[in-house]
PDB file of N, CA and C in Angstrom:
ATOM      1  N   LEU A   1     115.009 106.432  93.173  1.00  0.00           N
ATOM      2  CA  LEU A   1     114.501 106.022  91.605  1.00  0.00           C
ATOM      3  C   LEU A   1     114.560 107.824  91.687  1.00  0.00           C
ATOM      4  N   GLY A   2     115.233 108.300  90.435  1.00  0.00           N
ATOM      5  CA  GLY A   2     114.553 109.716  90.342  1.00  0.00           C
ATOM      6  C   GLY A   2     113.235 109.950  89.125  1.00  0.00           C
ATOM      7  N   LEU A   3     112.512 111.345  89.854  1.00  0.00           N
ATOM      8  CA  LEU A   3     111.538 110.524  88.524  1.00  0.00           C
ATOM      9  C   LEU A   3     111.701 112.164  88.243  1.00  0.00           C
ATOM     10  N   ARG A   4     110.565 111.981  87.116  1.00  0.00           N
ATOM     11  CA  ARG A   4     110.378 113.653  86.364  1.00  0.00           C
ATOM     12  C   ARG A   4     108.953 114.246  85.809  1.00  0.00           C
ATOM     13  N   GLN A   5     108.319 114.894  85.723  1.00  0.00           N
ATOM     14  CA  GLN A   5     106.730 114.773  85.427  1.00  0.00           C
ATOM     15  C   GLN A   5     106.576 115.751  84.396  1.00  0.00           C
ATOM     16  N   GLU A   6     106.829 115.910  83.264  1.00  0.00           N
ATOM     17  CA  GLU A   6     107.751 116.496  82.493  1.00  0.00           C
ATOM     18  C   GLU A   6     106.196 117.653  81.331  1.00  0.00           C
ATOM     19  N   GLU A   7     104.989 117.286  82.470  1.00  0.00           N
ATOM     20  CA  GLU A   7     104.194 118.383  81.619  1.00  0.00           C
ATOM     21  C   GLU A   7     104.089 119.470  82.748  1.00  0.00           C
ATOM     22  N   GLN A   8     104.408 118.600  84.093  1.00  0.00           N
ATOM     23  CA  GLN A   8     104.478 120.317  85.415  1.00  0.00           C
ATOM     24  C   GLN A   8     105.819 120.321  85.639  1.00  0.00           C
ATOM     25  N   GLY A   9     106.898 119.458  84.965  1.00  0.00           N
ATOM     26  CA  GLY A   9     107.891 120.323  85.450  1.00  0.00           C
ATOM     27  C   GLY A   9     108.086 119.711  86.814  1.00  0.00           C
ATOM     28  N   LYS A  10     108.154 118.866  87.574  1.00  0.00           N
ATOM     29  CA  LYS A  10     108.702 118.568  88.472  1.00  0.00           C
ATOM     30  C   LYS A  10     109.019 117.249  88.622  1.00  0.00           C
ATOM     31  N   GLU A  11     109.788 117.293  89.872  1.00  0.00           N
ATOM     32  CA  GLU A  11     110.933 116.282  89.588  1.00  0.00           C
ATOM     33  C   GLU A  11     110.161 115.611  91.467  1.00  0.00           C
ATOM     34  N   TYR A  12     110.693 114.162  91.452  1.00  0.00           N
ATOM     35  CA  TYR A  12     110.221 113.263  92.374  1.00  0.00           C
ATOM     36  C   TYR A  12     111.838 112.378  92.647  1.00  0.00           C
ATOM     37  N   GLU A  13     111.436 111.640  93.870  1.00  0.00           N
ATOM     38  CA  GLU A  13     112.250 110.852  94.229  1.00  0.00           C
ATOM     39  C   GLU A  13     111.645 109.569  94.784  1.00  0.00           C
ATOM     40  N   LEU A  14     111.541 108.506  94.567  1.00  0.00           N
ATOM     41  CA  LEU A  14     111.066 107.445  95.010  1.00  0.00           C
ATOM     42  C   LEU A  14     112.004 106.588  95.824  1.00  0.00           C
ATOM     43  N   THR A  15     112.244 105.736  96.712  1.00  0.00           N
ATOM     44  CA  THR A  15     112.480 104.974  97.109  1.00  0.00           C
ATOM     45  C   THR A  15     112.452 103.207  97.446  1.00  0.00           C
ATOM     46  N   THR A  16     113.367 102.151  96.593  1.00  0.00           N
ATOM     47  CA  THR A  16     112.541 101.374  96.288  1.00  0.00           C
ATOM     48  C   THR A  16     113.369 100.289  96.477  1.00  0.00           C
ATOM     49  N   GLU A  17     113.341  99.184  96.351  1.00  0.00           N
ATOM     50  CA  GLU A  17     114.249  98.388  96.606  1.00  0.00           C
ATOM     51  C   GLU A  17     114.087  97.438  94.901  1.00  0.00           C
ATOM     52  N   GLY A  18     113.435  97.855  93.993  1.00  0.00           N
ATOM     53  CA  GLY A  18     113.487  97.343  92.681  1.00  0.00           C
ATOM     54  C   GLY A  18     112.361  97.626  92.054  1.00  0.00           C
ATOM     55  N   LEU A  19     112.929  97.299  90.516  1.00  0.00           N
ATOM     56  CA  LEU A  19     112.673  98.166  89.755  1.00  0.00           C
ATOM     57  C   LEU A  19     111.675  97.060  88.796  1.00  0.00           C
ATOM     58  N   ILE A  20     110.911  97.128  87.732  1.00  0.00           N
ATOM     59  CA  ILE A  20     110.471  96.165  86.522  1.00  0.00           C
ATOM     60  C   ILE A  20     110.177  96.662  85.334  1.00  0.00           C
ATOM     61  N   LEU A  21     110.563  97.289  85.049  1.00  0.00           N
ATOM     62  CA  LEU A  21     110.045  97.679  83.233  1.00  0.00           C
ATOM     63  C   LEU A  21     109.204  96.499  82.819  1.00  0.00           C
ATOM     64  N   ALA A  22     108.345  96.988  82.271  1.00  0.00           N
ATOM     65  CA  ALA A  22     107.361  95.803  81.540  1.00  0.00           C
ATOM     66  C   ALA A  22     107.281  96.445  79.776  1.00  0.00           C
ATOM     67  N   THR A  23     107.262  95.157  78.783  1.00  0.00           N
ATOM     68  CA  THR A  23     107.571  95.766  77.590  1.00  0.00           C
ATOM     69  C   THR A  23     107.101  94.735  76.730  1.00  0.00           C
ATOM     70  N   GLY A  24     106.899  95.009  75.320  1.00  0.00           N
ATOM     71  CA  GLY A  24     106.491  94.150  74.646  1.00  0.00           C
ATOM     72  C   GLY A  24     104.946  93.401  74.476  1.00  0.00           C
ATOM     73  N   TYR A  25     103.785  94.895  75.031  1.00  0.00           N
ATOM     74  CA  TYR A  25     102.450  94.979  74.327  1.00  0.00           C
ATOM     75  C   TYR A  25     101.972  94.452  73.272  1.00  0.00           C
ATOM     76  N   ARG A  26     101.420  93.506  73.301  1.00  0.00           N
ATOM     77  CA  ARG A  26     100.891  93.235  72.166  1.00  0.00           C
ATOM     78  C   ARG A  26      99.386  93.229  71.991  1.00  0.00           C
ATOM     79  N   TYR A  27      98.494  93.572  70.933  1.00  0.00           N
ATOM     80  CA  TYR A  27      97.455  93.586  71.529  1.00  0.00           C
ATOM     81  C   TYR A  27      96.687  92.285  70.719  1.00  0.00           C
ATOM     82  N   GLU A  28      95.617  92.189  71.068  1.00  0.00           N
ATOM     83  CA  GLU A  28      94.762  90.828  70.743  1.00  0.00           C
ATOM     84  C   GLU A  28      93.170  90.982  70.784  1.00  0.00           C
ATOM     85  N   ALA A  29      92.949  90.982  69.734  1.00  0.00           N
ATOM     86  CA  ALA A  29      91.551  91.308  69.106  1.00  0.00           C
ATOM     87  C   ALA A  29      90.450  90.220  70.408  1.00  0.00           C
ATOM     88  N   PRO A  30      89.510  91.352  70.496  1.00  0.00           N
ATOM     89  CA  PRO A  30      88.791  90.142  71.803  1.00  0.00           C
ATOM     90  C   PRO A  30      87.314  89.312  71.124  1.00  0.00           C
ATOM     91  N   ALA A  31      87.207  87.847  71.238  1.00  0.00           N
ATOM     92  CA  ALA A  31      86.484  87.421  70.829  1.00  0.00           C
ATOM     93  C   ALA A  31      85.691  87.490  70.131  1.00  0.00           C
ATOM     94  N   PHE A  32      84.502  88.287  71.032  1.00  0.00           N
ATOM     95  CA  PHE A  32      83.429  88.637  70.951  1.00  0.00           C
ATOM     96  C   PHE A  32      83.606  89.507  69.571  1.00  0.00           C
ATOM     97  N   LEU A  33      84.513  89.773  68.505  1.00  0.00           N
ATOM     98  CA  LEU A  33      84.348  89.967  66.998  1.00  0.00           C
ATOM     99  C   LEU A  33      84.626  89.641  66.164  1.00  0.00           C
ATOM    100  N   ALA A  34      84.457  87.930  66.598  1.00  0.00           N
ATOM    101  CA  ALA A  34      84.993  86.770  65.421  1.00  0.00           C
ATOM    102  C   ALA A  34      83.025  86.991  64.414  1.00  0.00           C
ATOM    103  N   PRO A  35      82.032  87.113  65.092  1.00  0.00           N
ATOM    104  CA  PRO A  35      81.013  86.734  63.897  1.00  0.00           C
ATOM    105  C   PRO A  35      81.352  88.265  63.121  1.00  0.00           C
ATOM    106  N   VAL A  36      81.588  89.327  63.441  1.00  0.00           N
ATOM    107  CA  VAL A  36      82.117  90.294  62.186  1.00  0.00           C
ATOM    108  C   VAL A  36      83.404  90.595  61.443  1.00  0.00           C
ATOM    109  N   GLU A  37      84.060  89.490  61.923  1.00  0.00           N
ATOM    110  CA  GLU A  37      85.561  89.787  61.350  1.00  0.00           C
ATOM    111  C   GLU A  37      85.297  89.985  60.239  1.00  0.00           C
ATOM    112  N   GLY A  38      84.611  89.898  58.909  1.00  0.00           N
ATOM    113  CA  GLY A  38      84.673  89.589  57.752  1.00  0.00           C
ATOM    114  C   GLY A  38      84.004  91.680  57.651  1.00  0.00           C
ATOM    115  N   ARG A  39      83.088  92.214  58.463  1.00  0.00           N
ATOM    116  CA  ARG A  39      83.376  93.588  58.499  1.00  0.00           C
ATOM    117  C   ARG A  39      84.470  94.680  58.826  1.00  0.00           C
ATOM    118  N   LEU A  40      85.296  93.936  59.141  1.00  0.00           N
ATOM    119  CA  LEU A  40      86.755  94.367  59.943  1.00  0.00           C
ATOM    120  C   LEU A  40      87.443  94.902  58.879  1.00  0.00           C
ATOM    121  N   ARG A  41      88.125  96.268  58.953  1.00  0.00           N
ATOM    122  CA  ARG A  41      89.043  97.063  57.914  1.00  0.00           C
ATOM    123  C   ARG A  41      90.390  96.432  59.010  1.00  0.00           C
ATOM    124  N   HIS A  42      90.887  96.279  58.238  1.00  0.00           N
ATOM    125  CA  HIS A  42      92.914  95.638  58.789  1.00  0.00           C
ATOM    126  C   HIS A  42      93.635  96.566  57.414  1.00  0.00           C
ATOM    127  N   ASP A  43      95.167  97.135  58.225  1.00  0.00           N
ATOM    128  CA  ASP A  43      95.564  97.757  57.593  1.00  0.00           C
ATOM    129  C   ASP A  43      97.002  96.502  56.805  1.00  0.00           C
ATOM    130  N   SER A  44      97.905  96.661  56.380  1.00  0.00           N
ATOM    131  CA  SER A  44      98.780  95.366  55.464  1.00  0.00           C
ATOM    132  C   SER A  44      99.675  94.873  56.898  1.00  0.00           C
ATOM    133  N   ARG A  45      99.348  94.758  57.742  1.00  0.00           N
ATOM    134  CA  ARG A  45     100.264  94.694  59.210  1.00  0.00           C
ATOM    135  C   ARG A  45      99.419  93.745  59.823  1.00  0.00           C
ATOM    136  N   GLY A  46      98.024  93.643  60.057  1.00  0.00           N
ATOM    137  CA  GLY A  46      97.072  93.200  60.027  1.00  0.00           C
ATOM    138  C   GLY A  46      96.744  93.510  61.543  1.00  0.00           C
ATOM    139  N   ARG A  47      96.896  95.057  61.331  1.00  0.00           N
ATOM    140  CA  ARG A  47      96.151  95.925  62.326  1.00  0.00           C
ATOM    141  C   ARG A  47      94.816  96.477  61.837  1.00  0.00           C
ATOM    142  N   PHE A  48      93.714  97.117  63.038  1.00  0.00           N
ATOM    143  CA  PHE A  48      92.656  97.360  63.070  1.00  0.00           C
ATOM    144  C   PHE A  48      93.665  98.747  61.284  1.00  0.00           C
ATOM    145  N   ASP A  49      92.749  98.906  60.891  1.00  0.00           N
ATOM    146  CA  ASP A  49      92.559 100.102  59.237  1.00  0.00           C
ATOM    147  C   ASP A  49      91.281 100.861  60.543  1.00  0.00           C
ATOM    148  N   VAL A  50      91.745 101.628  61.474  1.00  0.00           N
ATOM    149  CA  VAL A  50      91.044 102.892  62.142  1.00  0.00           C
ATOM    150  C   VAL A  50      91.182 104.726  61.571  1.00  0.00           C
ATOM    151  N   ALA A  51      89.573 104.639  61.180  1.00  0.00           N
ATOM    152  CA  ALA A  51      89.298 106.063  60.677  1.00  0.00           C
ATOM    153  C   ALA A  51      89.254 106.983  61.591  1.00  0.00           C
ATOM    154  N   ARG A  52      89.056 107.988  60.857  1.00  0.00           N
ATOM    155  CA  ARG A  52      89.423 109.613  61.811  1.00  0.00           C
ATOM    156  C   ARG A  52      88.053 109.495  63.145  1.00  0.00           C
ATOM    157  N   ASN A  53      87.048 108.778  62.355  1.00  0.00           N
ATOM    158  CA  ASN A  53      86.325 109.254  63.437  1.00  0.00           C
ATOM    159  C   ASN A  53      85.694 107.511  64.546  1.00  0.00           C
ATOM    160  N   TYR A  54      87.349 107.112  64.267  1.00  0.00           N
ATOM    161  CA  TYR A  54      87.661 105.308  65.040  1.00  0.00           C
ATOM    162  C   TYR A  54      86.572 104.050  64.422  1.00  0.00           C
ATOM    163  N   SER A  55      86.076 104.449  63.400  1.00  0.00           N
ATOM    164  CA  SER A  55      85.554 103.626  62.858  1.00  0.00           C
ATOM    165  C   SER A  55      86.172 102.256  62.258  1.00  0.00           C
ATOM    166  N   ILE A  56      86.553 100.882  62.121  1.00  0.00           N
ATOM    167  CA  ILE A  56      86.797 100.159  61.465  1.00  0.00           C
ATOM    168  C   ILE A  56      85.978  99.061  60.911  1.00  0.00           C
ATOM    169  N   ASP A  57      84.428  99.195  60.602  1.00  0.00           N
ATOM    170  CA  ASP A  57      84.042  98.532  59.698  1.00  0.00           C
ATOM    171  C   ASP A  57      84.303  99.001  58.703  1.00  0.00           C
ATOM    172  N   THR A  58      83.949  98.314  57.268  1.00  0.00           N
ATOM    173  CA  THR A  58      84.147  98.640  55.831  1.00  0.00           C
ATOM    174  C   THR A  58      83.074  99.554  55.226  1.00  0.00           C
ATOM    175  N   THR A  59      81.739  99.860  56.097  1.00  0.00           N
ATOM    176  CA  THR A  59      80.175 100.888  56.452  1.00  0.00           C
ATOM    177  C   THR A  59      81.142 102.135  56.778  1.00  0.00           C
ATOM    178  N   GLY A  60      82.259 102.502  57.893  1.00  0.00           N
ATOM    179  CA  GLY A  60      82.669 103.492  58.392  1.00  0.00           C
ATOM    180  C   GLY A  60      81.454 103.971  59.066  1.00  0.00           C
ATOM    181  N   ARG A  61      80.483 103.160  59.505  1.00  0.00           N
ATOM    182  CA  ARG A  61      79.258 104.071  60.194  1.00  0.00           C
ATOM    183  C   ARG A  61      79.014 102.938  60.924  1.00  0.00           C
ATOM    184  N   GLY A  62      79.481 101.042  61.726  1.00  0.00           N
ATOM    185  CA  GLY A  62      78.775 100.732  62.514  1.00  0.00           C
ATOM    186  C   GLY A  62      79.187  99.741  63.605  1.00  0.00           C
ATOM    187  N   ILE A  63      81.267 100.163  63.321  1.00  0.00           N
ATOM    188  CA  ILE A  63      81.906  99.577  64.455  1.00  0.00           C
ATOM    189  C   ILE A  63      82.332 100.819  64.984  1.00  0.00           C
ATOM    190  N   PHE A  64      82.868 101.336  66.140  1.00  0.00           N
ATOM    191  CA  PHE A  64      83.958 101.529  66.299  1.00  0.00           C
ATOM    192  C   PHE A  64      84.761 101.354  67.359  1.00  0.00           C
ATOM    193  N   LEU A  65      85.820 101.752  67.874  1.00  0.00           N
ATOM    194  CA  LEU A  65      87.327 101.248  68.349  1.00  0.00           C
ATOM    195  C   LEU A  65      88.033 102.139  69.137  1.00  0.00           C
ATOM    196  N   GLN A  66      88.249 101.626  70.367  1.00  0.00           N
ATOM    197  CA  GLN A  66      88.496 102.641  71.108  1.00  0.00           C
ATOM    198  C   GLN A  66      89.336 101.960  72.608  1.00  0.00           C
ATOM    199  N   ASN A  67      91.264 102.123  72.342  1.00  0.00           N
ATOM    200  CA  ASN A  67      92.069 102.106  73.333  1.00  0.00           C
ATOM    201  C   ASN A  67      92.998 100.900  72.175  1.00  0.00           C
ATOM    202  N   ALA A  68      92.651 100.782  70.828  1.00  0.00           N
ATOM    203  CA  ALA A  68      93.666  99.352  70.174  1.00  0.00           C
ATOM    204  C   ALA A  68      93.717 100.231  69.227  1.00  0.00           C
ATOM    205  N   GLY A  69      93.947 101.451  68.825  1.00  0.00           N
ATOM    206  CA  GLY A  69      94.823 102.279  67.542  1.00  0.00           C
ATOM    207  C   GLY A  69      95.563 102.753  67.894  1.00  0.00           C
ATOM    208  N   VAL A  70      96.031 102.083  69.471  1.00  0.00           N
ATOM    209  CA  VAL A  70      97.837 103.394  69.413  1.00  0.00           C
ATOM    210  C   VAL A  70      98.658 103.510  68.368  1.00  0.00           C
ATOM    211  N   HIS A  71      98.313 102.323  67.438  1.00  0.00           N
ATOM    212  CA  HIS A  71      99.302 102.545  65.833  1.00  0.00           C
ATOM    213  C   HIS A  71      99.218 103.408  65.049  1.00  0.00           C
ATOM    214  N   THR A  72      98.087 103.985  65.391  1.00  0.00           N
ATOM    215  CA  THR A  72      98.028 105.094  64.703  1.00  0.00           C
ATOM    216  C   THR A  72      98.709 107.107  64.725  1.00  0.00           C
ATOM    217  N   HIS A  73      99.035 107.172  66.187  1.00  0.00           N
ATOM    218  CA  HIS A  73      99.448 107.869  66.774  1.00  0.00           C
ATOM    219  C   HIS A  73     101.092 107.704  66.311  1.00  0.00           C
ATOM    220  N   SER A  74     101.093 107.358  65.847  1.00  0.00           N
ATOM    221  CA  SER A  74     103.066 107.146  65.734  1.00  0.00           C
ATOM    222  C   SER A  74     103.156 107.734  64.250  1.00  0.00           C
TER     223      SER A  74
END
């Protein structure tokens, strides 16, 4: 298997008997958010509506999100 690390511009080879590619990641909100669901902003597709300061609550000051806003990077 040939690999290339783009940031460093290095190439590697890895001997392996197999390769598994996993796709189809889908985020599911944790159950502990259920009691505050009414305070959370969502976009038209049902995803968290993440502000620039990573807040997702309707006031923009109380509930912050990390690692569940990948959709905001595209």
